C-alpha cells in the first residue's frame, strides 16, 4: 500500500478565500483605524473653521476698541479746543 502525501505548495486552482482564513479581528482593527482617521480629519477641519471664526472675531473686537479709543480722543481734543477758545 502506497501512502499519499498532500501537496505542500499553494493550491493550484479555485478561490483564495477557500484556503485563506478570514481574520475578523484584523478586519475590525483595520475598520476602526479608518474610522479614526476620518474622525481626525473631520476634527482638524472643524478646528480650522473655529480658528478662522476666532480670527474674525478678534478683528472685530480690535476694531471696536480702536473705535472707542478714537471717539474718546476726539472728545478730548474737542474739550481742549473749547477750553482754548474761551
PDB file of N, CA and C in Angstrom:
ATOM      1  N   UNK A   1       0.835  -1.153   0.000  1.00  0.00           N
ATOM      2  CA  UNK A   1       0.000   0.000   0.000  1.00  0.00           C
ATOM      3  C   UNK A   1       0.893   1.234   0.000  1.00  0.00           C
ATOM      4  N   UNK A   2       0.585   2.177  -0.894  1.00  0.00           N
ATOM      5  CA  UNK A   2       1.368   3.408  -1.020  1.00  0.00           C
ATOM      6  C   UNK A   2       0.698   4.504  -0.219  1.00  0.00           C
ATOM      7  N   UNK A   3       1.497   5.206   0.528  1.00  0.00           N
ATOM      8  CA  UNK A   3       0.978   6.310   1.332  1.00  0.00           C
ATOM      9  C   UNK A   3       0.980   7.584   0.499  1.00  0.00           C
ATOM     10  N   UNK A   4      -0.138   8.291   0.503  1.00  0.00           N
ATOM     11  CA  UNK A   4      -0.275   9.506  -0.293  1.00  0.00           C
ATOM     12  C   UNK A   4       0.049  10.708   0.576  1.00  0.00           C
ATOM     13  N   UNK A   5       0.913  11.622   0.085  1.00  0.00           N
ATOM     14  CA  UNK A   5       1.315  12.825   0.810  1.00  0.00           C
ATOM     15  C   UNK A   5       0.613  14.028   0.181  1.00  0.00           C
ATOM     16  N   UNK A   6      -0.076  14.864   0.994  1.00  0.00           N
ATOM     17  CA  UNK A   6      -0.746  16.042   0.409  1.00  0.00           C
ATOM     18  C   UNK A   6       0.281  17.034  -0.105  1.00  0.00           C
ATOM     19  N   UNK A   7      -0.082  17.802  -1.126  1.00  0.00           N
ATOM     20  CA  UNK A   7       0.854  18.803  -1.674  1.00  0.00           C
ATOM     21  C   UNK A   7       1.151  19.880  -0.626  1.00  0.00           C
ATOM     22  N   UNK A   8       2.379  20.361  -0.646  1.00  0.00           N
ATOM     23  CA  UNK A   8       2.792  21.379   0.325  1.00  0.00           C
ATOM     24  C   UNK A   8       2.799  22.779  -0.274  1.00  0.00           C
ATOM     25  N   UNK A   9       2.697  22.953  -1.553  1.00  0.00           N
ATOM     26  CA  UNK A   9       2.720  24.267  -2.205  1.00  0.00           C
ATOM     27  C   UNK A   9       1.362  24.928  -2.159  1.00  0.00           C
ATOM     28  N   UNK A  10       1.257  26.083  -2.772  1.00  0.00           N
ATOM     29  CA  UNK A  10      -0.028  26.782  -2.809  1.00  0.00           C
ATOM     30  C   UNK A  10      -1.020  26.007  -3.655  1.00  0.00           C
ATOM     31  N   UNK A  11      -2.310  26.179  -3.385  1.00  0.00           N
ATOM     32  CA  UNK A  11      -3.321  25.479  -4.179  1.00  0.00           C
ATOM     33  C   UNK A  11      -3.249  25.935  -5.634  1.00  0.00           C
ATOM     34  N   UNK A  12      -3.560  25.024  -6.513  1.00  0.00           N
ATOM     35  CA  UNK A  12      -3.409  25.294  -7.937  1.00  0.00           C
ATOM     36  C   UNK A  12      -4.630  25.960  -8.552  1.00  0.00           C
ATOM     37  N   UNK A  13      -5.777  25.820  -7.990  1.00  0.00           N
ATOM     38  CA  UNK A  13      -6.961  26.410  -8.600  1.00  0.00           C
ATOM     39  C   UNK A  13      -7.958  26.826  -7.545  1.00  0.00           C
ATOM     40  N   UNK A  14      -8.995  27.490  -7.955  1.00  0.00           N
ATOM     41  CA  UNK A  14     -10.041  27.888  -7.029  1.00  0.00           C
ATOM     42  C   UNK A  14      -9.791  29.272  -6.443  1.00  0.00           C
ATOM     43  N   UNK A  15     -10.649  29.616  -5.545  1.00  0.00           N
ATOM     44  CA  UNK A  15     -10.591  30.920  -4.926  1.00  0.00           C
ATOM     45  C   UNK A  15      -9.655  30.904  -3.725  1.00  0.00           C
ATOM     46  N   UNK A  16      -8.987  32.009  -3.521  1.00  0.00           N
ATOM     47  CA  UNK A  16      -8.095  32.088  -2.375  1.00  0.00           C
ATOM     48  C   UNK A  16      -8.881  32.125  -1.081  1.00  0.00           C
ATOM     49  N   UNK A  17     -10.161  32.502  -1.153  1.00  0.00           N
ATOM     50  CA  UNK A  17     -10.985  32.570   0.042  1.00  0.00           C
ATOM     51  C   UNK A  17     -11.348  31.180   0.555  1.00  0.00           C
ATOM     52  N   UNK A  18     -11.198  30.168  -0.280  1.00  0.00           N
ATOM     53  CA  UNK A  18     -11.441  28.809   0.181  1.00  0.00           C
ATOM     54  C   UNK A  18     -10.293  28.308   1.038  1.00  0.00           C
ATOM     55  N   UNK A  19      -9.136  28.878   0.865  1.00  0.00           N
ATOM     56  CA  UNK A  19      -7.953  28.386   1.555  1.00  0.00           C
ATOM     57  C   UNK A  19      -7.466  29.345   2.643  1.00  0.00           C
ATOM     58  N   UNK A  20      -7.641  30.657   2.442  1.00  0.00           N
ATOM     59  CA  UNK A  20      -7.219  31.628   3.444  1.00  0.00           C
ATOM     60  C   UNK A  20      -8.322  31.805   4.475  1.00  0.00           C
ATOM     61  N   UNK A  21      -7.952  31.822   5.723  1.00  0.00           N
ATOM     62  CA  UNK A  21      -8.947  32.043   6.756  1.00  0.00           C
ATOM     63  C   UNK A  21      -9.195  33.545   6.876  1.00  0.00           C
ATOM     64  N   UNK A  22     -10.403  33.901   7.249  1.00  0.00           N
ATOM     65  CA  UNK A  22     -10.761  35.309   7.419  1.00  0.00           C
ATOM     66  C   UNK A  22     -10.475  35.693   8.849  1.00  0.00           C
ATOM     67  N   UNK A  23      -9.651  36.724   9.021  1.00  0.00           N
ATOM     68  CA  UNK A  23      -9.285  37.177  10.352  1.00  0.00           C
ATOM     69  C   UNK A  23     -10.185  38.353  10.720  1.00  0.00           C
ATOM     70  N   UNK A  24     -11.210  38.076  11.507  1.00  0.00           N
ATOM     71  CA  UNK A  24     -12.193  39.105  11.859  1.00  0.00           C
ATOM     72  C   UNK A  24     -11.570  40.189  12.728  1.00  0.00           C
ATOM     73  N   UNK A  25     -10.648  39.813  13.576  1.00  0.00           N
ATOM     74  CA  UNK A  25     -10.014  40.797  14.459  1.00  0.00           C
ATOM     75  C   UNK A  25      -9.222  41.812  13.659  1.00  0.00           C
ATOM     76  N   UNK A  26      -8.457  41.341  12.680  1.00  0.00           N
ATOM     77  CA  UNK A  26      -7.668  42.254  11.853  1.00  0.00           C
ATOM     78  C   UNK A  26      -8.578  43.155  11.025  1.00  0.00           C
ATOM     79  N   UNK A  27      -9.668  42.604  10.509  1.00  0.00           N
ATOM     80  CA  UNK A  27     -10.598  43.415   9.716  1.00  0.00           C
ATOM     81  C   UNK A  27     -11.260  44.470  10.584  1.00  0.00           C
ATOM     82  N   UNK A  28     -11.627  44.107  11.797  1.00  0.00           N
ATOM     83  CA  UNK A  28     -12.257  45.060  12.708  1.00  0.00           C
ATOM     84  C   UNK A  28     -11.268  46.162  13.094  1.00  0.00           C
ATOM     85  N   UNK A  29     -10.034  45.775  13.348  1.00  0.00           N
ATOM     86  CA  UNK A  29      -9.000  46.750  13.690  1.00  0.00           C
ATOM     87  C   UNK A  29      -8.741  47.710  12.534  1.00  0.00           C
ATOM     88  N   UNK A  30      -8.699  47.170  11.330  1.00  0.00           N
ATOM     89  CA  UNK A  30      -8.488  47.998  10.138  1.00  0.00           C
ATOM     90  C   UNK A  30      -9.645  48.978   9.943  1.00  0.00           C
ATOM     91  N   UNK A  31     -10.866  48.505  10.148  1.00  0.00           N
ATOM     92  CA  UNK A  31     -12.033  49.374  10.002  1.00  0.00           C
ATOM     93  C   UNK A  31     -12.023  50.465  11.063  1.00  0.00           C
ATOM     94  N   UNK A  32     -11.656  50.112  12.285  1.00  0.00           N
ATOM     95  CA  UNK A  32     -11.588  51.120  13.348  1.00  0.00           C
ATOM     96  C   UNK A  32     -10.517  52.158  13.060  1.00  0.00           C
ATOM     97  N   UNK A  33      -9.404  51.745  12.482  1.00  0.00           N
ATOM     98  CA  UNK A  33      -8.348  52.697  12.127  1.00  0.00           C
ATOM     99  C   UNK A  33      -8.825  53.658  11.052  1.00  0.00           C
ATOM    100  N   UNK A  34      -9.565  53.144  10.065  1.00  0.00           N
ATOM    101  CA  UNK A  34     -10.091  54.024   9.014  1.00  0.00           C
ATOM    102  C   UNK A  34     -11.097  55.021   9.595  1.00  0.00           C
ATOM    103  N   UNK A  35     -11.954  54.551  10.501  1.00  0.00           N
ATOM    104  CA  UNK A  35     -12.930  55.443  11.136  1.00  0.00           C
ATOM    105  C   UNK A  35     -12.210  56.509  11.953  1.00  0.00           C
ATOM    106  N   UNK A  36     -11.174  56.116  12.687  1.00  0.00           N
ATOM    107  CA  UNK A  36     -10.421  57.072  13.495  1.00  0.00           C
ATOM    108  C   UNK A  36      -9.752  58.117  12.606  1.00  0.00           C
ATOM    109  N   UNK A  37      -9.214  57.705  11.471  1.00  0.00           N
ATOM    110  CA  UNK A  37      -8.594  58.666  10.545  1.00  0.00           C
ATOM    111  C   UNK A  37      -9.610  59.661  10.011  1.00  0.00           C
ATOM    112  N   UNK A  38     -10.804  59.175   9.668  1.00  0.00           N
ATOM    113  CA  UNK A  38     -11.851  60.071   9.162  1.00  0.00           C
ATOM    114  C   UNK A  38     -12.304  61.042  10.250  1.00  0.00           C
ATOM    115  N   UNK A  39     -12.440  60.539  11.460  1.00  0.00           N
ATOM    116  CA  UNK A  39     -12.837  61.418  12.557  1.00  0.00           C
ATOM    117  C   UNK A  39     -11.771  62.473  12.822  1.00  0.00           C
ATOM    118  N   UNK A  40     -10.504  62.086  12.744  1.00  0.00           N
ATOM    119  CA  UNK A  40      -9.412  63.035  12.971  1.00  0.00           C
ATOM    120  C   UNK A  40      -9.419  64.109  11.893  1.00  0.00           C
ATOM    121  N   UNK A  41      -9.644  63.694  10.641  1.00  0.00           N
ATOM    122  CA  UNK A  41      -9.702  64.667   9.540  1.00  0.00           C
ATOM    123  C   UNK A  41     -10.867  65.636   9.743  1.00  0.00           C
ATOM    124  N   UNK A  42     -12.016  65.113  10.168  1.00  0.00           N
ATOM    125  CA  UNK A  42     -13.174  65.978  10.420  1.00  0.00           C
ATOM    126  C   UNK A  42     -12.899  66.931  11.575  1.00  0.00           C
ATOM    127  N   UNK A  43     -12.215  66.436  12.600  1.00  0.00           N
ATOM    128  CA  UNK A  43     -11.877  67.283  13.742  1.00  0.00           C
ATOM    129  C   UNK A  43     -10.925  68.403  13.334  1.00  0.00           C
ATOM    130  N   UNK A  44      -9.922  68.079  12.524  1.00  0.00           N
ATOM    131  CA  UNK A  44      -8.985  69.104  12.050  1.00  0.00           C
ATOM    132  C   UNK A  44      -9.696  70.143  11.192  1.00  0.00           C
ATOM    133  N   UNK A  45     -10.633  69.691  10.354  1.00  0.00           N
ATOM    134  CA  UNK A  45     -11.398  70.616   9.516  1.00  0.00           C
ATOM    135  C   UNK A  45     -12.221  71.561  10.383  1.00  0.00           C
ATOM    136  N   UNK A  46     -12.901  71.000  11.372  1.00  0.00           N
ATOM    137  CA  UNK A  46     -13.747  71.813  12.253  1.00  0.00           C
ATOM    138  C   UNK A  46     -12.906  72.787  13.077  1.00  0.00           C
ATOM    139  N   UNK A  47     -11.753  72.329  13.569  1.00  0.00           N
ATOM    140  CA  UNK A  47     -10.873  73.220  14.320  1.00  0.00           C
ATOM    141  C   UNK A  47     -10.354  74.359  13.441  1.00  0.00           C
ATOM    142  N   UNK A  48     -10.114  74.073  12.166  1.00  0.00           N
ATOM    143  CA  UNK A  48      -9.717  75.132  11.233  1.00  0.00           C
ATOM    144  C   UNK A  48     -10.810  76.176  11.079  1.00  0.00           C
ATOM    145  N   UNK A  49     -12.068  75.712  11.008  1.00  0.00           N
ATOM    146  CA  UNK A  49     -13.183  76.646  10.912  1.00  0.00           C
ATOM    147  C   UNK A  49     -13.323  77.484  12.179  1.00  0.00           C
ATOM    148  N   UNK A  50     -13.145  76.858  13.329  1.00  0.00           N
ATOM    149  CA  UNK A  50     -13.237  77.587  14.593  1.00  0.00           C
ATOM    150  C   UNK A  50     -12.117  78.618  14.692  1.00  0.00           C
ATOM    151  N   UNK A  51     -10.925  78.244  14.268  1.00  0.00           N
ATOM    152  CA  UNK A  51      -9.794  79.170  14.294  1.00  0.00           C
ATOM    153  C   UNK A  51     -10.056  80.372  13.400  1.00  0.00           C
ATOM    154  N   UNK A  52     -10.604  80.139  12.220  1.00  0.00           N
ATOM    155  CA  UNK A  52     -10.918  81.252  11.314  1.00  0.00           C
ATOM    156  C   UNK A  52     -11.993  82.154  11.921  1.00  0.00           C
ATOM    157  N   UNK A  53     -12.987  81.566  12.573  1.00  0.00           N
ATOM    158  CA  UNK A  53     -14.039  82.367  13.201  1.00  0.00           C
ATOM    159  C   UNK A  53     -13.469  83.201  14.345  1.00  0.00           C
ATOM    160  N   UNK A  54     -12.552  82.611  15.116  1.00  0.00           N
ATOM    161  CA  UNK A  54     -11.922  83.371  16.205  1.00  0.00           C
ATOM    162  C   UNK A  54     -11.071  84.516  15.672  1.00  0.00           C
ATOM    163  N   UNK A  55     -10.399  84.305  14.555  1.00  0.00           N
ATOM    164  CA  UNK A  55      -9.618  85.390  13.948  1.00  0.00           C
ATOM    165  C   UNK A  55     -10.521  86.544  13.522  1.00  0.00           C
ATOM    166  N   UNK A  56     -11.660  86.203  12.905  1.00  0.00           N
ATOM    167  CA  UNK A  56     -12.611  87.249  12.501  1.00  0.00           C
ATOM    168  C   UNK A  56     -13.157  87.995  13.715  1.00  0.00           C
ATOM    169  N   UNK A  57     -13.458  87.256  14.776  1.00  0.00           N
ATOM    170  CA  UNK A  57     -13.972  87.880  15.990  1.00  0.00           C
ATOM    171  C   UNK A  57     -12.930  88.795  16.616  1.00  0.00           C
ATOM    172  N   UNK A  58     -11.672  88.356  16.619  1.00  0.00           N
ATOM    173  CA  UNK A  58     -10.604  89.181  17.178  1.00  0.00           C
ATOM    174  C   UNK A  58     -10.469  90.494  16.399  1.00  0.00           C
ATOM    175  N   UNK A  59     -10.579  90.430  15.075  1.00  0.00           N
ATOM    176  CA  UNK A  59     -10.501  91.657  14.273  1.00  0.00           C
ATOM    177  C   UNK A  59     -11.645  92.604  14.618  1.00  0.00           C
ATOM    178  N   UNK A  60     -12.843  92.047  14.815  1.00  0.00           N
ATOM    179  CA  UNK A  60     -13.989  92.888  15.156  1.00  0.00           C
ATOM    180  C   UNK A  60     -13.819  93.527  16.526  1.00  0.00           C
ATOM    181  N   UNK A  61     -13.279  92.766  17.481  1.00  0.00           N
ATOM    182  CA  UNK A  61     -13.069  93.320  18.822  1.00  0.00           C
ATOM    183  C   UNK A  61     -12.061  94.456  18.763  1.00  0.00           C
ATOM    184  N   UNK A  62     -10.953  94.263  18.039  1.00  0.00           N
ATOM    185  CA  UNK A  62      -9.951  95.330  17.945  1.00  0.00           C
ATOM    186  C   UNK A  62     -10.513  96.553  17.227  1.00  0.00           C
ATOM    187  N   UNK A  63     -11.353  96.322  16.226  1.00  0.00           N
ATOM    188  CA  UNK A  63     -11.990  97.445  15.547  1.00  0.00           C
ATOM    189  C   UNK A  63     -12.849  98.234  16.527  1.00  0.00           C
ATOM    190  N   UNK A  64     -13.574  97.542  17.391  1.00  0.00           N
ATOM    191  CA  UNK A  64     -14.391  98.219  18.403  1.00  0.00           C
ATOM    192  C   UNK A  64     -13.532  98.972  19.404  1.00  0.00           C
ATOM    193  N   UNK A  65     -12.427  98.356  19.835  1.00  0.00           N
ATOM    194  CA  UNK A  65     -11.531  99.018  20.791  1.00  0.00           C
ATOM    195  C   UNK A  65     -10.952 100.287  20.188  1.00  0.00           C
ATOM    196  N   UNK A  66     -10.475 100.205  18.956  1.00  0.00           N
ATOM    197  CA  UNK A  66      -9.909 101.394  18.313  1.00  0.00           C
ATOM    198  C   UNK A  66     -10.986 102.440  18.037  1.00  0.00           C
ATOM    199  N   UNK A  67     -12.194 102.005  17.759  1.00  0.00           N
ATOM    200  CA  UNK A  67     -13.286 102.958  17.561  1.00  0.00           C
ATOM    201  C   UNK A  67     -13.592 103.736  18.826  1.00  0.00           C
ATOM    202  N   UNK A  68     -13.662 103.031  19.961  1.00  0.00           N
ATOM    203  CA  UNK A  68     -13.919 103.705  21.241  1.00  0.00           C
ATOM    204  C   UNK A  68     -12.760 104.626  21.590  1.00  0.00           C
ATOM    205  N   UNK A  69     -11.518 104.156  21.374  1.00  0.00           N
ATOM    206  CA  UNK A  69     -10.350 104.990  21.671  1.00  0.00           C
ATOM    207  C   UNK A  69     -10.349 106.244  20.801  1.00  0.00           C
ATOM    208  N   UNK A  70     -10.696 106.092  19.545  1.00  0.00           N
ATOM    209  CA  UNK A  70     -10.765 107.252  18.646  1.00  0.00           C
ATOM    210  C   UNK A  70     -11.848 108.232  19.073  1.00  0.00           C
ATOM    211  N   UNK A  71     -12.984 107.700  19.494  1.00  0.00           N
ATOM    212  CA  UNK A  71     -14.064 108.566  19.963  1.00  0.00           C
ATOM    213  C   UNK A  71     -13.630 109.344  21.199  1.00  0.00           C
ATOM    214  N   UNK A  72     -12.972 108.658  22.152  1.00  0.00           N
ATOM    215  CA  UNK A  72     -12.520 109.338  23.373  1.00  0.00           C
ATOM    216  C   UNK A  72     -11.462 110.392  23.059  1.00  0.00           C
ATOM    217  N   UNK A  73     -10.558 110.092  22.149  1.00  0.00           N
ATOM    218  CA  UNK A  73      -9.557 111.084  21.754  1.00  0.00           C
ATOM    219  C   UNK A  73     -10.212 112.294  21.093  1.00  0.00           C
ATOM    220  N   UNK A  74     -11.193 112.030  20.248  1.00  0.00           N
ATOM    221  CA  UNK A  74     -11.888 113.146  19.594  1.00  0.00           C
ATOM    222  C   UNK A  74     -12.608 114.008  20.626  1.00  0.00           C
ATOM    223  N   UNK A  75     -13.220 113.394  21.622  1.00  0.00           N
ATOM    224  CA  UNK A  75     -13.893 114.161  22.678  1.00  0.00           C
ATOM    225  C   UNK A  75     -12.880 114.990  23.474  1.00  0.00           C
ATOM    226  N   UNK A  76     -11.693 114.371  23.741  1.00  0.00           N
ATOM    227  CA  UNK A  76     -10.651 115.099  24.474  1.00  0.00           C
ATOM    228  C   UNK A  76     -10.142 116.294  23.692  1.00  0.00           C
ATOM    229  N   UNK A  77      -9.917 116.089  22.397  1.00  0.00           N
ATOM    230  CA  UNK A  77      -9.448 117.194  21.545  1.00  0.00           C
ATOM    231  C   UNK A  77     -10.506 118.281  21.470  1.00  0.00           C
ATOM    232  N   UNK A  78     -11.756 117.897  21.362  1.00  0.00           N
ATOM    233  CA  UNK A  78     -12.843 118.879  21.306  1.00  0.00           C
ATOM    234  C   UNK A  78     -12.911 119.684  22.613  1.00  0.00           C
ATOM    235  N   UNK A  79     -12.718 118.997  23.749  1.00  0.00           N
ATOM    236  CA  UNK A  79     -12.756 119.701  25.043  1.00  0.00           C
ATOM    237  C   UNK A  79     -11.575 120.664  25.153  1.00  0.00           C
ATOM    238  N   UNK A  80     -10.397 120.267  24.688  1.00  0.00           N
ATOM    239  CA  UNK A  80      -9.231 121.146  24.722  1.00  0.00           C
ATOM    240  C   UNK A  80      -9.417 122.352  23.817  1.00  0.00           C
ATOM    241  N   UNK A  81      -9.984 122.144  22.651  1.00  0.00           N
ATOM    242  CA  UNK A  81     -10.215 123.256  21.735  1.00  0.00           C
ATOM    243  C   UNK A  81     -11.243 124.224  22.299  1.00  0.00           C
ATOM    244  N   UNK A  82     -12.275 123.667  22.938  1.00  0.00           N
ATOM    245  CA  UNK A  82     -13.301 124.543  23.524  1.00  0.00           C
ATOM    246  C   UNK A  82     -12.711 125.350  24.688  1.00  0.00           C
ATOM    247  N   UNK A  83     -11.829 124.718  25.456  1.00  0.00           N
ATOM    248  CA  UNK A  83     -11.206 125.430  26.583  1.00  0.00           C
ATOM    249  C   UNK A  83     -10.198 126.465  26.057  1.00  0.00           C
ATOM    250  N   UNK A  84      -9.550 126.197  24.969  1.00  0.00           N
ATOM    251  CA  UNK A  84      -8.567 127.116  24.403  1.00  0.00           C
ATOM    252  C   UNK A  84      -9.195 128.331  23.778  1.00  0.00           C
ATOM    253  N   UNK A  85     -10.415 128.225  23.280  1.00  0.00           N
ATOM    254  CA  UNK A  85     -11.078 129.353  22.640  1.00  0.00           C
ATOM    255  C   UNK A  85     -11.711 130.299  23.641  1.00  0.00           C
ATOM    256  N   UNK A  86     -11.887 129.921  24.854  1.00  0.00           N
ATOM    257  CA  UNK A  86     -12.536 130.779  25.854  1.00  0.00           C
ATOM    258  C   UNK A  86     -11.587 131.757  26.452  1.00  0.00           C
TER     259      UNK A  86
END
